[in-house]
């Protein structure tokens, strides 16, 4: 029953930085695994960062060391800090939530994320 909505996208030059926010409503994000996904036009959507109910994070190698996922349970907001942006980071960015099981771990499959935002465009170019 949780609803999520992304904001903060825009245009930036290579090497620049951007912060995306994902506001949640209807339920507390502490009950969910939260993830950031992106989709390049004509390509499949891919997940690149997640944070589980316990605060454990996971990153794809393509963004590790440059992007940071975090959350504020009290404010019910998920964040993505993006540094050292590259042209290949250009994509539509989505946040999503998945209900967790007894172990409170994030699911391995993108299809297990049931709640999605509308997306926010990030464009990195000279």
C-alpha atoms as a PDB file:
ATOM      1  CA  UNK A   1       0.000   0.000   0.000  1.00  0.00           C
ATOM      2  CA  UNK A   2       3.025   2.283   0.048  1.00  0.00           C
ATOM      3  CA  UNK A   3       3.270   5.015  -2.598  1.00  0.00           C
ATOM      4  CA  UNK A   4       6.576   6.489  -3.784  1.00  0.00           C
ATOM      5  CA  UNK A   5       7.416   9.543  -5.886  1.00  0.00           C
ATOM      6  CA  UNK A   6      10.830  10.605  -7.231  1.00  0.00           C
ATOM      7  CA  UNK A   7      12.107  14.142  -7.685  1.00  0.00           C
ATOM      8  CA  UNK A   8      15.387  15.965  -8.282  1.00  0.00           C
ATOM      9  CA  UNK A   9      16.269  14.967 -11.837  1.00  0.00           C
ATOM     10  CA  UNK A  10      17.706  17.395 -14.354  1.00  0.00           C
ATOM     11  CA  UNK A  11      20.627  18.187 -16.655  1.00  0.00           C
ATOM     12  CA  UNK A  12      24.234  18.240 -15.466  1.00  0.00           C
ATOM     13  CA  UNK A  13      27.713  18.271 -17.028  1.00  0.00           C
ATOM     14  CA  UNK A  14      30.068  15.288 -16.777  1.00  0.00           C
ATOM     15  CA  UNK A  15      31.775  15.216 -13.393  1.00  0.00           C
ATOM     16  CA  UNK A  16      28.869  16.993 -11.763  1.00  0.00           C
ATOM     17  CA  UNK A  17      26.620  15.901  -8.905  1.00  0.00           C
ATOM     18  CA  UNK A  18      22.912  15.486  -8.338  1.00  0.00           C
ATOM     19  CA  UNK A  19      20.654  14.372  -5.485  1.00  0.00           C
ATOM     20  CA  UNK A  20      17.447  12.448  -6.087  1.00  0.00           C
ATOM     21  CA  UNK A  21      14.701  12.088  -3.495  1.00  0.00           C
ATOM     22  CA  UNK A  22      11.916   9.535  -3.192  1.00  0.00           C
ATOM     23  CA  UNK A  23       9.082  10.496  -0.874  1.00  0.00           C
ATOM     24  CA  UNK A  24       6.930   7.668   0.452  1.00  0.00           C
ATOM     25  CA  UNK A  25       3.401   7.752   1.798  1.00  0.00           C
ATOM     26  CA  UNK A  26       0.753   5.297   2.951  1.00  0.00           C
ATOM     27  CA  UNK A  27       3.196   3.141   4.926  1.00  0.00           C
ATOM     28  CA  UNK A  28       6.536   3.450   6.677  1.00  0.00           C
ATOM     29  CA  UNK A  29       9.586   2.637   4.545  1.00  0.00           C
ATOM     30  CA  UNK A  30      11.081   0.720   7.460  1.00  0.00           C
ATOM     31  CA  UNK A  31       8.858  -2.197   6.388  1.00  0.00           C
ATOM     32  CA  UNK A  32      10.392  -2.424   2.903  1.00  0.00           C
ATOM     33  CA  UNK A  33      13.477  -2.993   0.849  1.00  0.00           C
ATOM     34  CA  UNK A  34      14.058   0.144  -1.216  1.00  0.00           C
ATOM     35  CA  UNK A  35      15.841   0.315  -4.536  1.00  0.00           C
ATOM     36  CA  UNK A  36      16.962   2.702  -7.254  1.00  0.00           C
ATOM     37  CA  UNK A  37      16.592   1.653 -10.881  1.00  0.00           C
ATOM     38  CA  UNK A  38      17.343   3.327 -14.189  1.00  0.00           C
ATOM     39  CA  UNK A  39      16.367   2.805 -17.792  1.00  0.00           C
ATOM     40  CA  UNK A  40      18.140   4.098 -20.882  1.00  0.00           C
ATOM     41  CA  UNK A  41      15.845   4.676 -23.871  1.00  0.00           C
ATOM     42  CA  UNK A  42      15.517   1.439 -25.818  1.00  0.00           C
ATOM     43  CA  UNK A  43      17.203  -0.620 -23.087  1.00  0.00           C
ATOM     44  CA  UNK A  44      15.991  -2.776 -20.199  1.00  0.00           C
ATOM     45  CA  UNK A  45      15.481  -1.258 -16.790  1.00  0.00           C
ATOM     46  CA  UNK A  46      18.214  -2.176 -14.312  1.00  0.00           C
ATOM     47  CA  UNK A  47      18.638  -1.912 -10.580  1.00  0.00           C
ATOM     48  CA  UNK A  48      21.889  -0.415  -9.313  1.00  0.00           C
ATOM     49  CA  UNK A  49      21.427   0.320  -5.603  1.00  0.00           C
ATOM     50  CA  UNK A  50      19.316  -0.967  -2.727  1.00  0.00           C
ATOM     51  CA  UNK A  51      18.913  -0.599   1.008  1.00  0.00           C
ATOM     52  CA  UNK A  52      17.077  -3.104   3.185  1.00  0.00           C
ATOM     53  CA  UNK A  53      14.974  -2.660   6.314  1.00  0.00           C
ATOM     54  CA  UNK A  54      18.074  -2.954   8.508  1.00  0.00           C
ATOM     55  CA  UNK A  55      19.987  -0.325   6.527  1.00  0.00           C
ATOM     56  CA  UNK A  56      22.276  -2.723   4.656  1.00  0.00           C
ATOM     57  CA  UNK A  57      23.203  -1.341   1.221  1.00  0.00           C
ATOM     58  CA  UNK A  58      24.215  -2.953  -2.049  1.00  0.00           C
ATOM     59  CA  UNK A  59      25.583  -1.374  -5.251  1.00  0.00           C
ATOM     60  CA  UNK A  60      26.229  -2.379  -8.800  1.00  0.00           C
ATOM     61  CA  UNK A  61      29.843  -2.032  -9.918  1.00  0.00           C
ATOM     62  CA  UNK A  62      28.836   0.642 -12.424  1.00  0.00           C
ATOM     63  CA  UNK A  63      27.997   3.103  -9.625  1.00  0.00           C
ATOM     64  CA  UNK A  64      29.962   1.788  -6.647  1.00  0.00           C
ATOM     65  CA  UNK A  65      32.119   4.544  -5.208  1.00  0.00           C
ATOM     66  CA  UNK A  66      30.185   7.288  -7.011  1.00  0.00           C
ATOM     67  CA  UNK A  67      26.572   6.877  -5.826  1.00  0.00           C
ATOM     68  CA  UNK A  68      25.254   6.624  -2.274  1.00  0.00           C
ATOM     69  CA  UNK A  69      21.825   5.325  -1.288  1.00  0.00           C
ATOM     70  CA  UNK A  70      20.416   6.346   2.075  1.00  0.00           C
ATOM     71  CA  UNK A  71      17.103   6.740   3.843  1.00  0.00           C
ATOM     72  CA  UNK A  72      15.453   8.679   6.625  1.00  0.00           C
ATOM     73  CA  UNK A  73      12.908   6.417   8.294  1.00  0.00           C
ATOM     74  CA  UNK A  74      11.514   9.223  10.432  1.00  0.00           C
ATOM     75  CA  UNK A  75      10.891  11.396   7.358  1.00  0.00           C
ATOM     76  CA  UNK A  76       9.900   8.459   5.124  1.00  0.00           C
ATOM     77  CA  UNK A  77      12.301   9.553   2.361  1.00  0.00           C
ATOM     78  CA  UNK A  78      14.785   7.599   0.251  1.00  0.00           C
ATOM     79  CA  UNK A  79      17.796   9.460  -1.198  1.00  0.00           C
ATOM     80  CA  UNK A  80      20.359   8.971  -3.920  1.00  0.00           C
ATOM     81  CA  UNK A  81      23.527  11.077  -3.927  1.00  0.00           C
ATOM     82  CA  UNK A  82      25.168  10.921  -7.358  1.00  0.00           C
ATOM     83  CA  UNK A  83      28.746  12.173  -7.786  1.00  0.00           C
ATOM     84  CA  UNK A  84      31.203  12.122 -10.692  1.00  0.00           C
ATOM     85  CA  UNK A  85      28.385  11.740 -13.182  1.00  0.00           C
ATOM     86  CA  UNK A  86      29.159  10.323 -16.617  1.00  0.00           C
ATOM     87  CA  UNK A  87      27.275  10.559 -19.934  1.00  0.00           C
ATOM     88  CA  UNK A  88      26.431   6.860 -19.615  1.00  0.00           C
ATOM     89  CA  UNK A  89      24.488   7.684 -16.434  1.00  0.00           C
ATOM     90  CA  UNK A  90      21.864   9.412 -18.593  1.00  0.00           C
ATOM     91  CA  UNK A  91      18.578   7.583 -17.989  1.00  0.00           C
ATOM     92  CA  UNK A  92      15.143   7.697 -16.438  1.00  0.00           C
ATOM     93  CA  UNK A  93      15.587   7.019 -12.730  1.00  0.00           C
ATOM     94  CA  UNK A  94      13.001   5.195 -10.615  1.00  0.00           C
ATOM     95  CA  UNK A  95      12.656   4.354  -6.953  1.00  0.00           C
ATOM     96  CA  UNK A  96      10.803   1.222  -5.898  1.00  0.00           C
ATOM     97  CA  UNK A  97       9.791  -0.697  -2.784  1.00  0.00           C
ATOM     98  CA  UNK A  98       9.518  -4.412  -2.047  1.00  0.00           C
ATOM     99  CA  UNK A  99       8.024  -6.096   0.986  1.00  0.00           C
ATOM    100  CA  UNK A 100      10.618  -8.085   2.919  1.00  0.00           C
ATOM    101  CA  UNK A 101      10.378 -11.547   4.444  1.00  0.00           C
ATOM    102  CA  UNK A 102      11.389 -12.776   7.906  1.00  0.00           C
ATOM    103  CA  UNK A 103      15.100 -12.190   7.211  1.00  0.00           C
ATOM    104  CA  UNK A 104      14.392  -8.585   6.129  1.00  0.00           C
ATOM    105  CA  UNK A 105      16.591  -9.019   3.053  1.00  0.00           C
ATOM    106  CA  UNK A 106      16.099  -7.404  -0.349  1.00  0.00           C
ATOM    107  CA  UNK A 107      14.708  -9.674  -3.068  1.00  0.00           C
ATOM    108  CA  UNK A 108      17.043 -10.786  -5.875  1.00  0.00           C
ATOM    109  CA  UNK A 109      14.558 -10.123  -8.688  1.00  0.00           C
ATOM    110  CA  UNK A 110      13.342  -6.750  -9.954  1.00  0.00           C
ATOM    111  CA  UNK A 111       9.869  -8.263 -10.413  1.00  0.00           C
ATOM    112  CA  UNK A 112       9.559  -8.575  -6.627  1.00  0.00           C
ATOM    113  CA  UNK A 113       9.438  -4.786  -6.331  1.00  0.00           C
ATOM    114  CA  UNK A 114       5.714  -4.030  -6.367  1.00  0.00           C
ATOM    115  CA  UNK A 115       5.598  -0.280  -5.780  1.00  0.00           C
ATOM    116  CA  UNK A 116       7.136   2.142  -8.281  1.00  0.00           C
ATOM    117  CA  UNK A 117       7.453   5.872  -8.747  1.00  0.00           C
ATOM    118  CA  UNK A 118       6.765   7.708 -12.003  1.00  0.00           C
ATOM    119  CA  UNK A 119      10.434   8.317 -12.778  1.00  0.00           C
ATOM    120  CA  UNK A 120      12.660  11.381 -13.047  1.00  0.00           C
ATOM    121  CA  UNK A 121      14.993  12.103 -15.976  1.00  0.00           C
ATOM    122  CA  UNK A 122      18.741  12.584 -15.474  1.00  0.00           C
ATOM    123  CA  UNK A 123      20.770  13.855 -18.424  1.00  0.00           C
ATOM    124  CA  UNK A 124      24.572  14.106 -18.323  1.00  0.00           C
ATOM    125  CA  UNK A 125      26.153  15.889 -21.298  1.00  0.00           C
ATOM    126  CA  UNK A 126      28.740  18.497 -22.252  1.00  0.00           C
END
